[in-house]
Amino acid sequence: MTLYTRRGDAGETDLFGGPRVSKGHLRVEAYGAVDELNAAVGAARVVSQHEDLRDITGEIQSLLFDIGGTLATPDPQRRAKSGVPELEAQQVDTLERHIDRLEQELEPLRRFVLPGGTAAAAAFHVARTACRRAERRCVALHGREPLDAAVLGYLNRLSDLLFTMARVENRRAGSGDVEWVGRGR
């Protein structure tokens, strides 16, 4: 079997268990953005020097793959029959627990934070912005085709966790946050 099929050369793709749609379809945009997010989280995982953060990002990547499968399979019955796992509300709670634990290492925010500091912190900031894009794409899809609320909640909370992880990377490296200082200040 070859990797390429040529079926998408005209700008269409197959949804799993569903119709062929334009590659510009909101559903394809949503699962594509989740795929980009997964790659960004993987890049942050590779550059992190901290085992606890790498463990968390490993869990996140698996769940993002599941979310992508859910988004690529519009029919809930087809998802159930094919074993595509559904996201559970408790997985959002897990993200909150990670945030709460990691925030104990951090000073309270006094200013806006610029993306940067260490390479690992910058990678987590890139993942955070990819997460916000994935969330926006899923919200747009949700406006037309209702999605499970856990997916939207997970992406919203994940961006908070990725921001926290960026701050932790800088803190552990001894560099602290890169604070925004407005022009003329």
N, C-alpha and C. Protein backbone atom coordinates (compact mmCIF):
# COMPACT_ATOMS: atom_id res chain seq x y z
N MET A 1 0.85 -1.18 0.00
CA MET A 1 0.00 0.00 0.00
C MET A 1 0.89 1.24 0.00
N THR A 2 0.55 2.19 -0.80
CA THR A 2 1.30 3.43 -0.90
C THR A 2 0.66 4.51 -0.03
N LEU A 3 1.47 5.46 0.42
CA LEU A 3 0.97 6.53 1.28
C LEU A 3 0.02 7.46 0.53
N TYR A 4 0.29 7.71 -0.72
CA TYR A 4 -0.55 8.63 -1.47
C TYR A 4 -1.64 7.87 -2.23
N THR A 5 -2.80 8.53 -2.34
CA THR A 5 -3.94 7.92 -3.05
C THR A 5 -4.39 8.75 -4.24
N ARG A 6 -4.04 10.01 -4.26
CA ARG A 6 -4.45 10.97 -5.28
C ARG A 6 -5.93 11.36 -5.18
N ARG A 7 -6.65 10.77 -4.20
CA ARG A 7 -8.08 11.07 -4.07
C ARG A 7 -8.31 12.51 -3.63
N GLY A 8 -7.33 13.13 -2.98
CA GLY A 8 -7.51 14.49 -2.49
C GLY A 8 -6.98 15.56 -3.42
N ASP A 9 -6.52 15.17 -4.59
CA ASP A 9 -5.92 16.14 -5.51
C ASP A 9 -6.89 17.21 -5.98
N ALA A 10 -8.17 16.95 -5.94
CA ALA A 10 -9.17 17.93 -6.37
C ALA A 10 -9.70 18.76 -5.19
N GLY A 11 -9.05 18.62 -4.01
CA GLY A 11 -9.45 19.44 -2.87
C GLY A 11 -10.53 18.86 -2.00
N GLU A 12 -10.75 17.55 -2.08
CA GLU A 12 -11.75 16.91 -1.22
C GLU A 12 -11.08 15.80 -0.41
N THR A 13 -11.73 15.44 0.69
CA THR A 13 -11.25 14.35 1.53
C THR A 13 -12.44 13.58 2.07
N ASP A 14 -12.18 12.39 2.58
CA ASP A 14 -13.23 11.56 3.17
C ASP A 14 -13.26 11.76 4.67
N LEU A 15 -14.45 11.96 5.21
CA LEU A 15 -14.62 11.88 6.65
C LEU A 15 -14.76 10.42 7.00
N PHE A 16 -14.33 10.03 8.20
CA PHE A 16 -14.41 8.63 8.59
C PHE A 16 -15.87 8.24 8.77
N GLY A 17 -16.31 7.32 7.94
CA GLY A 17 -17.70 6.87 8.00
C GLY A 17 -18.68 7.92 7.51
N GLY A 18 -18.20 8.86 6.74
CA GLY A 18 -19.08 9.93 6.28
C GLY A 18 -18.83 10.26 4.83
N PRO A 19 -19.32 11.39 4.42
CA PRO A 19 -19.22 11.78 3.00
C PRO A 19 -17.85 12.37 2.68
N ARG A 20 -17.62 12.58 1.39
CA ARG A 20 -16.46 13.36 0.95
C ARG A 20 -16.84 14.83 1.11
N VAL A 21 -15.89 15.60 1.59
CA VAL A 21 -16.13 17.03 1.81
C VAL A 21 -14.92 17.81 1.32
N SER A 22 -15.11 19.10 1.14
CA SER A 22 -14.01 20.00 0.78
C SER A 22 -12.97 20.01 1.90
N LYS A 23 -11.72 20.13 1.52
CA LYS A 23 -10.66 20.25 2.53
C LYS A 23 -10.78 21.57 3.28
N GLY A 24 -11.61 22.48 2.81
CA GLY A 24 -11.90 23.73 3.50
C GLY A 24 -13.12 23.65 4.41
N HIS A 25 -13.75 22.48 4.50
CA HIS A 25 -14.93 22.27 5.35
C HIS A 25 -14.56 22.56 6.81
N LEU A 26 -15.50 23.12 7.56
CA LEU A 26 -15.24 23.46 8.97
C LEU A 26 -14.75 22.26 9.77
N ARG A 27 -15.28 21.10 9.50
CA ARG A 27 -14.88 19.91 10.24
C ARG A 27 -13.42 19.56 9.95
N VAL A 28 -13.02 19.67 8.69
CA VAL A 28 -11.64 19.38 8.32
C VAL A 28 -10.72 20.44 8.91
N GLU A 29 -11.16 21.70 8.90
CA GLU A 29 -10.38 22.77 9.54
C GLU A 29 -10.20 22.47 11.03
N ALA A 30 -11.24 21.98 11.68
CA ALA A 30 -11.17 21.71 13.12
C ALA A 30 -10.20 20.57 13.42
N TYR A 31 -10.35 19.44 12.74
CA TYR A 31 -9.43 18.35 13.09
C TYR A 31 -8.03 18.61 12.57
N GLY A 32 -7.89 19.42 11.53
CA GLY A 32 -6.56 19.82 11.08
C GLY A 32 -5.87 20.71 12.10
N ALA A 33 -6.61 21.62 12.70
CA ALA A 33 -6.04 22.50 13.73
C ALA A 33 -5.66 21.70 14.97
N VAL A 34 -6.45 20.68 15.30
CA VAL A 34 -6.10 19.82 16.44
C VAL A 34 -4.83 19.02 16.12
N ASP A 35 -4.69 18.59 14.88
CA ASP A 35 -3.47 17.90 14.47
C ASP A 35 -2.26 18.83 14.58
N GLU A 36 -2.39 20.08 14.13
CA GLU A 36 -1.30 21.06 14.27
C GLU A 36 -0.97 21.28 15.74
N LEU A 37 -1.98 21.37 16.57
CA LEU A 37 -1.77 21.51 18.01
C LEU A 37 -0.99 20.33 18.55
N ASN A 38 -1.37 19.13 18.14
CA ASN A 38 -0.68 17.94 18.61
C ASN A 38 0.80 17.98 18.24
N ALA A 39 1.10 18.42 17.02
CA ALA A 39 2.49 18.54 16.60
C ALA A 39 3.23 19.59 17.44
N ALA A 40 2.57 20.71 17.74
CA ALA A 40 3.20 21.75 18.55
C ALA A 40 3.45 21.26 19.97
N VAL A 41 2.51 20.52 20.53
CA VAL A 41 2.70 19.95 21.87
C VAL A 41 3.87 18.95 21.83
N GLY A 42 3.94 18.16 20.76
CA GLY A 42 5.06 17.22 20.62
C GLY A 42 6.39 17.93 20.55
N ALA A 43 6.45 19.06 19.86
CA ALA A 43 7.69 19.83 19.77
C ALA A 43 8.07 20.38 21.15
N ALA A 44 7.09 20.86 21.89
CA ALA A 44 7.37 21.36 23.25
C ALA A 44 7.85 20.22 24.14
N ARG A 45 7.26 19.07 23.98
CA ARG A 45 7.65 17.91 24.77
C ARG A 45 9.11 17.54 24.54
N VAL A 46 9.53 17.60 23.30
CA VAL A 46 10.90 17.22 22.95
C VAL A 46 11.93 18.16 23.57
N VAL A 47 11.62 19.45 23.63
CA VAL A 47 12.62 20.39 24.15
C VAL A 47 12.54 20.59 25.66
N SER A 48 11.49 20.12 26.29
CA SER A 48 11.39 20.25 27.75
C SER A 48 12.42 19.34 28.42
N GLN A 49 13.05 19.86 29.45
CA GLN A 49 14.03 19.10 30.22
C GLN A 49 13.41 18.48 31.48
N HIS A 50 12.10 18.60 31.62
CA HIS A 50 11.44 18.21 32.87
C HIS A 50 10.51 17.03 32.65
N GLU A 51 10.82 15.95 33.35
CA GLU A 51 10.08 14.70 33.15
C GLU A 51 8.60 14.86 33.44
N ASP A 52 8.24 15.62 34.49
CA ASP A 52 6.82 15.77 34.81
C ASP A 52 6.07 16.47 33.68
N LEU A 53 6.69 17.48 33.05
CA LEU A 53 6.04 18.17 31.94
C LEU A 53 5.98 17.28 30.70
N ARG A 54 7.02 16.49 30.48
CA ARG A 54 6.99 15.54 29.35
C ARG A 54 5.90 14.49 29.55
N ASP A 55 5.72 14.05 30.78
CA ASP A 55 4.66 13.07 31.05
C ASP A 55 3.28 13.66 30.77
N ILE A 56 3.06 14.87 31.23
CA ILE A 56 1.77 15.53 31.00
C ILE A 56 1.53 15.69 29.51
N THR A 57 2.55 16.15 28.78
CA THR A 57 2.34 16.38 27.35
C THR A 57 2.12 15.07 26.60
N GLY A 58 2.69 13.98 27.08
CA GLY A 58 2.41 12.67 26.47
C GLY A 58 0.93 12.31 26.60
N GLU A 59 0.37 12.55 27.78
CA GLU A 59 -1.07 12.30 28.00
C GLU A 59 -1.90 13.18 27.08
N ILE A 60 -1.50 14.44 26.99
CA ILE A 60 -2.24 15.41 26.16
C ILE A 60 -2.23 14.96 24.71
N GLN A 61 -1.06 14.54 24.20
CA GLN A 61 -0.98 14.14 22.80
C GLN A 61 -1.92 12.97 22.49
N SER A 62 -2.02 12.02 23.38
CA SER A 62 -2.93 10.89 23.16
C SER A 62 -4.38 11.36 23.10
N LEU A 63 -4.74 12.25 24.02
CA LEU A 63 -6.11 12.76 24.04
C LEU A 63 -6.40 13.63 22.81
N LEU A 64 -5.42 14.40 22.36
CA LEU A 64 -5.63 15.20 21.15
C LEU A 64 -5.84 14.31 19.94
N PHE A 65 -5.15 13.18 19.89
CA PHE A 65 -5.37 12.24 18.80
C PHE A 65 -6.80 11.71 18.85
N ASP A 66 -7.29 11.41 20.05
CA ASP A 66 -8.68 10.97 20.22
C ASP A 66 -9.66 12.06 19.79
N ILE A 67 -9.38 13.32 20.16
CA ILE A 67 -10.26 14.42 19.75
C ILE A 67 -10.28 14.54 18.24
N GLY A 68 -9.12 14.42 17.62
CA GLY A 68 -9.06 14.46 16.15
C GLY A 68 -9.90 13.36 15.53
N GLY A 69 -9.85 12.16 16.10
CA GLY A 69 -10.67 11.06 15.61
C GLY A 69 -12.15 11.34 15.77
N THR A 70 -12.52 11.95 16.88
CA THR A 70 -13.91 12.32 17.10
C THR A 70 -14.37 13.34 16.06
N LEU A 71 -13.53 14.34 15.82
CA LEU A 71 -13.89 15.38 14.86
C LEU A 71 -13.94 14.85 13.43
N ALA A 72 -13.11 13.87 13.12
CA ALA A 72 -13.08 13.31 11.76
C ALA A 72 -14.19 12.30 11.52
N THR A 73 -14.92 11.96 12.58
CA THR A 73 -16.00 10.97 12.50
C THR A 73 -17.29 11.64 12.95
N PRO A 74 -18.03 12.25 12.04
CA PRO A 74 -19.20 13.04 12.45
C PRO A 74 -20.35 12.22 13.04
N ASP A 75 -20.46 10.97 12.65
CA ASP A 75 -21.58 10.15 13.10
C ASP A 75 -21.26 9.48 14.44
N PRO A 76 -21.98 9.84 15.52
CA PRO A 76 -21.69 9.26 16.84
C PRO A 76 -21.82 7.73 16.87
N GLN A 77 -22.77 7.19 16.12
CA GLN A 77 -22.92 5.73 16.08
C GLN A 77 -21.70 5.09 15.43
N ARG A 78 -21.20 5.71 14.38
CA ARG A 78 -20.00 5.20 13.70
C ARG A 78 -18.79 5.27 14.63
N ARG A 79 -18.70 6.36 15.41
CA ARG A 79 -17.61 6.49 16.38
C ARG A 79 -17.67 5.36 17.38
N ALA A 80 -18.86 5.10 17.90
CA ALA A 80 -19.02 4.05 18.90
C ALA A 80 -18.66 2.68 18.32
N LYS A 81 -19.13 2.40 17.11
CA LYS A 81 -18.86 1.11 16.48
C LYS A 81 -17.39 0.92 16.16
N SER A 82 -16.71 1.99 15.80
CA SER A 82 -15.30 1.87 15.40
C SER A 82 -14.34 2.04 16.56
N GLY A 83 -14.85 2.33 17.75
CA GLY A 83 -14.00 2.43 18.93
C GLY A 83 -13.29 3.76 19.10
N VAL A 84 -13.76 4.80 18.40
CA VAL A 84 -13.17 6.13 18.59
C VAL A 84 -13.55 6.59 20.00
N PRO A 85 -12.56 6.81 20.87
CA PRO A 85 -12.89 7.17 22.25
C PRO A 85 -13.48 8.57 22.36
N GLU A 86 -14.46 8.72 23.22
CA GLU A 86 -15.07 10.02 23.49
C GLU A 86 -14.32 10.66 24.66
N LEU A 87 -14.17 11.96 24.59
CA LEU A 87 -13.54 12.69 25.68
C LEU A 87 -14.51 12.73 26.85
N GLU A 88 -13.97 12.63 28.05
CA GLU A 88 -14.80 12.66 29.25
C GLU A 88 -14.54 13.93 30.03
N ALA A 89 -15.55 14.42 30.71
CA ALA A 89 -15.44 15.66 31.48
C ALA A 89 -14.31 15.59 32.50
N GLN A 90 -14.05 14.41 33.04
CA GLN A 90 -12.99 14.27 34.05
C GLN A 90 -11.61 14.59 33.48
N GLN A 91 -11.47 14.49 32.16
CA GLN A 91 -10.18 14.82 31.56
C GLN A 91 -9.93 16.32 31.59
N VAL A 92 -10.99 17.11 31.58
CA VAL A 92 -10.86 18.56 31.78
C VAL A 92 -10.43 18.82 33.22
N ASP A 93 -11.01 18.09 34.16
CA ASP A 93 -10.63 18.21 35.57
C ASP A 93 -9.15 17.89 35.78
N THR A 94 -8.66 16.91 35.05
CA THR A 94 -7.24 16.54 35.16
C THR A 94 -6.35 17.71 34.74
N LEU A 95 -6.73 18.41 33.68
CA LEU A 95 -5.96 19.59 33.27
C LEU A 95 -5.96 20.64 34.38
N GLU A 96 -7.10 20.84 35.02
CA GLU A 96 -7.18 21.82 36.10
C GLU A 96 -6.28 21.43 37.26
N ARG A 97 -6.21 20.15 37.57
CA ARG A 97 -5.32 19.69 38.65
C ARG A 97 -3.86 19.95 38.29
N HIS A 98 -3.50 19.71 37.04
CA HIS A 98 -2.13 20.01 36.60
C HIS A 98 -1.84 21.50 36.75
N ILE A 99 -2.78 22.34 36.32
CA ILE A 99 -2.59 23.79 36.43
C ILE A 99 -2.40 24.18 37.89
N ASP A 100 -3.29 23.70 38.76
CA ASP A 100 -3.23 24.04 40.18
C ASP A 100 -1.89 23.62 40.80
N ARG A 101 -1.41 22.44 40.46
CA ARG A 101 -0.14 21.96 41.01
C ARG A 101 1.02 22.80 40.51
N LEU A 102 1.05 23.06 39.21
CA LEU A 102 2.17 23.82 38.63
C LEU A 102 2.17 25.28 39.08
N GLU A 103 1.00 25.87 39.26
CA GLU A 103 0.92 27.27 39.68
C GLU A 103 1.53 27.49 41.06
N GLN A 104 1.62 26.44 41.86
CA GLN A 104 2.22 26.58 43.19
C GLN A 104 3.69 26.98 43.10
N GLU A 105 4.33 26.70 41.96
CA GLU A 105 5.74 27.06 41.76
C GLU A 105 5.91 28.51 41.31
N LEU A 106 4.82 29.16 40.91
CA LEU A 106 4.92 30.44 40.22
C LEU A 106 4.52 31.61 41.10
N GLU A 107 5.12 32.74 40.80
CA GLU A 107 4.69 34.00 41.41
C GLU A 107 3.39 34.43 40.71
N PRO A 108 2.52 35.15 41.41
CA PRO A 108 1.31 35.65 40.74
C PRO A 108 1.69 36.58 39.59
N LEU A 109 0.87 36.59 38.57
CA LEU A 109 1.10 37.47 37.42
C LEU A 109 0.89 38.92 37.83
N ARG A 110 1.82 39.78 37.40
CA ARG A 110 1.69 41.23 37.66
C ARG A 110 1.50 41.99 36.35
N ARG A 111 1.96 41.39 35.26
CA ARG A 111 1.87 42.02 33.94
C ARG A 111 1.55 40.95 32.91
N PHE A 112 1.27 41.41 31.71
CA PHE A 112 1.12 40.47 30.60
C PHE A 112 2.48 39.83 30.33
N VAL A 113 2.45 38.59 29.85
CA VAL A 113 3.66 37.83 29.59
C VAL A 113 3.85 37.70 28.08
N LEU A 114 5.06 37.98 27.64
CA LEU A 114 5.40 37.79 26.23
C LEU A 114 5.90 36.37 26.01
N PRO A 115 5.59 35.79 24.86
CA PRO A 115 6.13 34.46 24.55
C PRO A 115 7.64 34.54 24.44
N GLY A 116 8.32 33.70 25.15
CA GLY A 116 9.78 33.69 25.07
C GLY A 116 10.42 33.17 26.34
N GLY A 117 11.66 33.55 26.52
CA GLY A 117 12.45 33.03 27.63
C GLY A 117 13.31 31.90 27.12
N THR A 118 13.10 30.73 27.65
CA THR A 118 13.85 29.56 27.19
C THR A 118 13.21 29.00 25.91
N ALA A 119 13.96 28.15 25.23
CA ALA A 119 13.43 27.50 24.03
C ALA A 119 12.19 26.67 24.38
N ALA A 120 12.23 25.98 25.51
CA ALA A 120 11.09 25.16 25.91
C ALA A 120 9.87 26.03 26.22
N ALA A 121 10.08 27.14 26.91
CA ALA A 121 8.96 28.04 27.21
C ALA A 121 8.36 28.59 25.92
N ALA A 122 9.22 28.99 25.00
CA ALA A 122 8.73 29.50 23.72
C ALA A 122 7.93 28.43 22.98
N ALA A 123 8.40 27.17 23.04
CA ALA A 123 7.67 26.07 22.39
C ALA A 123 6.30 25.87 23.02
N PHE A 124 6.21 25.99 24.33
CA PHE A 124 4.90 25.87 24.99
C PHE A 124 3.99 27.04 24.61
N HIS A 125 4.56 28.23 24.43
CA HIS A 125 3.74 29.36 23.97
C HIS A 125 3.23 29.13 22.55
N VAL A 126 4.07 28.57 21.68
CA VAL A 126 3.61 28.25 20.32
C VAL A 126 2.47 27.24 20.40
N ALA A 127 2.61 26.23 21.25
CA ALA A 127 1.55 25.24 21.42
C ALA A 127 0.28 25.90 21.96
N ARG A 128 0.44 26.85 22.87
CA ARG A 128 -0.73 27.57 23.41
C ARG A 128 -1.48 28.31 22.31
N THR A 129 -0.76 28.98 21.44
CA THR A 129 -1.44 29.72 20.37
C THR A 129 -2.08 28.76 19.36
N ALA A 130 -1.43 27.62 19.12
CA ALA A 130 -2.04 26.60 18.25
C ALA A 130 -3.31 26.06 18.90
N CYS A 131 -3.29 25.94 20.22
CA CYS A 131 -4.46 25.47 20.95
C CYS A 131 -5.62 26.45 20.80
N ARG A 132 -5.33 27.73 20.90
CA ARG A 132 -6.39 28.74 20.74
C ARG A 132 -6.98 28.69 19.33
N ARG A 133 -6.12 28.47 18.33
CA ARG A 133 -6.62 28.35 16.96
C ARG A 133 -7.51 27.12 16.84
N ALA A 134 -7.08 25.99 17.39
CA ALA A 134 -7.89 24.77 17.34
C ALA A 134 -9.23 25.00 18.05
N GLU A 135 -9.20 25.69 19.16
CA GLU A 135 -10.44 25.99 19.87
C GLU A 135 -11.36 26.85 19.01
N ARG A 136 -10.81 27.87 18.35
CA ARG A 136 -11.65 28.72 17.49
C ARG A 136 -12.26 27.92 16.35
N ARG A 137 -11.49 27.02 15.76
CA ARG A 137 -12.01 26.19 14.66
C ARG A 137 -13.12 25.28 15.16
N CYS A 138 -12.95 24.73 16.36
CA CYS A 138 -13.98 23.85 16.91
C CYS A 138 -15.23 24.63 17.29
N VAL A 139 -15.06 25.85 17.81
CA VAL A 139 -16.21 26.70 18.13
C VAL A 139 -16.97 27.03 16.86
N ALA A 140 -16.26 27.33 15.77
CA ALA A 140 -16.93 27.62 14.50
C ALA A 140 -17.72 26.40 14.02
N LEU A 141 -17.13 25.22 14.12
CA LEU A 141 -17.84 24.00 13.74
C LEU A 141 -19.04 23.78 14.65
N HIS A 142 -18.85 24.00 15.93
CA HIS A 142 -19.93 23.81 16.91
C HIS A 142 -21.13 24.70 16.59
N GLY A 143 -20.90 25.86 16.00
CA GLY A 143 -21.98 26.75 15.61
C GLY A 143 -22.86 26.17 14.52
N ARG A 144 -22.32 25.23 13.77
CA ARG A 144 -23.07 24.58 12.68
C ARG A 144 -23.47 23.15 13.01
N GLU A 145 -22.58 22.44 13.66
CA GLU A 145 -22.80 21.03 14.01
C GLU A 145 -22.38 20.86 15.46
N PRO A 146 -23.32 20.68 16.37
CA PRO A 146 -22.98 20.63 17.79
C PRO A 146 -21.90 19.57 18.10
N LEU A 147 -20.94 20.02 18.89
CA LEU A 147 -19.87 19.14 19.37
C LEU A 147 -20.09 18.86 20.84
N ASP A 148 -19.45 17.82 21.32
CA ASP A 148 -19.48 17.50 22.74
C ASP A 148 -18.85 18.66 23.51
N ALA A 149 -19.51 19.11 24.54
CA ALA A 149 -19.02 20.23 25.34
C ALA A 149 -17.66 19.93 25.95
N ALA A 150 -17.35 18.67 26.21
CA ALA A 150 -16.06 18.31 26.79
C ALA A 150 -14.91 18.68 25.85
N VAL A 151 -15.12 18.58 24.54
CA VAL A 151 -14.06 18.94 23.58
C VAL A 151 -13.74 20.42 23.70
N LEU A 152 -14.77 21.26 23.71
CA LEU A 152 -14.54 22.70 23.82
C LEU A 152 -13.92 23.07 25.16
N GLY A 153 -14.40 22.46 26.22
CA GLY A 153 -13.84 22.72 27.55
C GLY A 153 -12.39 22.28 27.66
N TYR A 154 -12.08 21.13 27.06
CA TYR A 154 -10.73 20.61 27.11
C TYR A 154 -9.76 21.56 26.40
N LEU A 155 -10.12 22.01 25.21
CA LEU A 155 -9.23 22.91 24.47
C LEU A 155 -9.06 24.25 25.19
N ASN A 156 -10.13 24.75 25.78
CA ASN A 156 -10.04 26.01 26.51
C ASN A 156 -9.09 25.86 27.70
N ARG A 157 -9.25 24.80 28.47
CA ARG A 157 -8.40 24.59 29.64
C ARG A 157 -6.98 24.24 29.25
N LEU A 158 -6.82 23.52 28.13
CA LEU A 158 -5.48 23.13 27.69
C LEU A 158 -4.63 24.36 27.39
N SER A 159 -5.21 25.38 26.78
CA SER A 159 -4.41 26.58 26.51
C SER A 159 -3.92 27.21 27.82
N ASP A 160 -4.75 27.16 28.86
CA ASP A 160 -4.32 27.66 30.17
C ASP A 160 -3.16 26.83 30.71
N LEU A 161 -3.25 25.52 30.56
CA LEU A 161 -2.18 24.65 31.04
C LEU A 161 -0.89 24.90 30.27
N LEU A 162 -0.98 25.05 28.96
CA LEU A 162 0.22 25.29 28.15
C LEU A 162 0.88 26.62 28.52
N PHE A 163 0.07 27.64 28.82
CA PHE A 163 0.61 28.92 29.31
C PHE A 163 1.34 28.71 30.63
N THR A 164 0.72 27.96 31.52
CA THR A 164 1.33 27.68 32.82
C THR A 164 2.63 26.90 32.65
N MET A 165 2.64 25.94 31.74
CA MET A 165 3.85 25.15 31.51
C MET A 165 4.97 26.02 30.95
N ALA A 166 4.64 26.98 30.11
CA ALA A 166 5.66 27.91 29.59
C ALA A 166 6.27 28.70 30.75
N ARG A 167 5.42 29.18 31.64
CA ARG A 167 5.92 29.94 32.79
C ARG A 167 6.77 29.07 33.70
N VAL A 168 6.37 27.81 33.89
CA VAL A 168 7.14 26.90 34.72
C VAL A 168 8.51 26.63 34.10
N GLU A 169 8.55 26.45 32.79
CA GLU A 169 9.84 26.24 32.12
C GLU A 169 10.78 27.41 32.42
N ASN A 170 10.29 28.64 32.28
CA ASN A 170 11.14 29.80 32.56
C ASN A 170 11.53 29.87 34.03
N ARG A 171 10.61 29.60 34.90
CA ARG A 171 10.89 29.64 36.35
C ARG A 171 11.95 28.63 36.72
N ARG A 172 11.80 27.40 36.24
CA ARG A 172 12.77 26.36 36.58
C ARG A 172 14.15 26.64 35.98
N ALA A 173 14.19 27.37 34.88
CA ALA A 173 15.47 27.73 34.27
C ALA A 173 16.09 28.95 34.96
N GLY A 174 15.34 29.56 35.87
CA GLY A 174 15.85 30.72 36.59
C GLY A 174 15.71 32.02 35.84
N SER A 175 14.97 31.99 34.73
CA SER A 175 14.86 33.22 33.94
C SER A 175 13.57 33.98 34.21
N GLY A 176 12.59 33.37 34.77
CA GLY A 176 11.33 34.06 35.05
C GLY A 176 10.56 34.41 33.80
N ASP A 177 9.43 35.06 33.99
CA ASP A 177 8.58 35.46 32.87
C ASP A 177 9.22 36.58 32.07
N VAL A 178 8.91 36.62 30.80
CA VAL A 178 9.27 37.76 29.96
C VAL A 178 8.06 38.67 29.99
N GLU A 179 8.15 39.73 30.75
CA GLU A 179 7.00 40.61 30.94
C GLU A 179 6.91 41.66 29.85
N TRP A 180 5.69 41.96 29.47
CA TRP A 180 5.44 43.02 28.49
C TRP A 180 5.59 44.35 29.18
N VAL A 181 6.33 45.22 28.51
CA VAL A 181 6.44 46.60 28.97
C VAL A 181 6.00 47.45 27.80
N GLY A 182 4.91 48.15 27.96
CA GLY A 182 4.36 48.95 26.88
C GLY A 182 5.30 50.05 26.42
N ARG A 183 5.11 50.47 25.21
CA ARG A 183 5.91 51.56 24.67
C ARG A 183 5.73 52.81 25.52
N GLY A 184 6.79 53.51 25.71
CA GLY A 184 6.72 54.76 26.47
C GLY A 184 6.72 54.54 27.97
N ARG A 185 6.93 53.34 28.42
CA ARG A 185 6.95 53.09 29.88
C ARG A 185 8.36 53.09 30.39
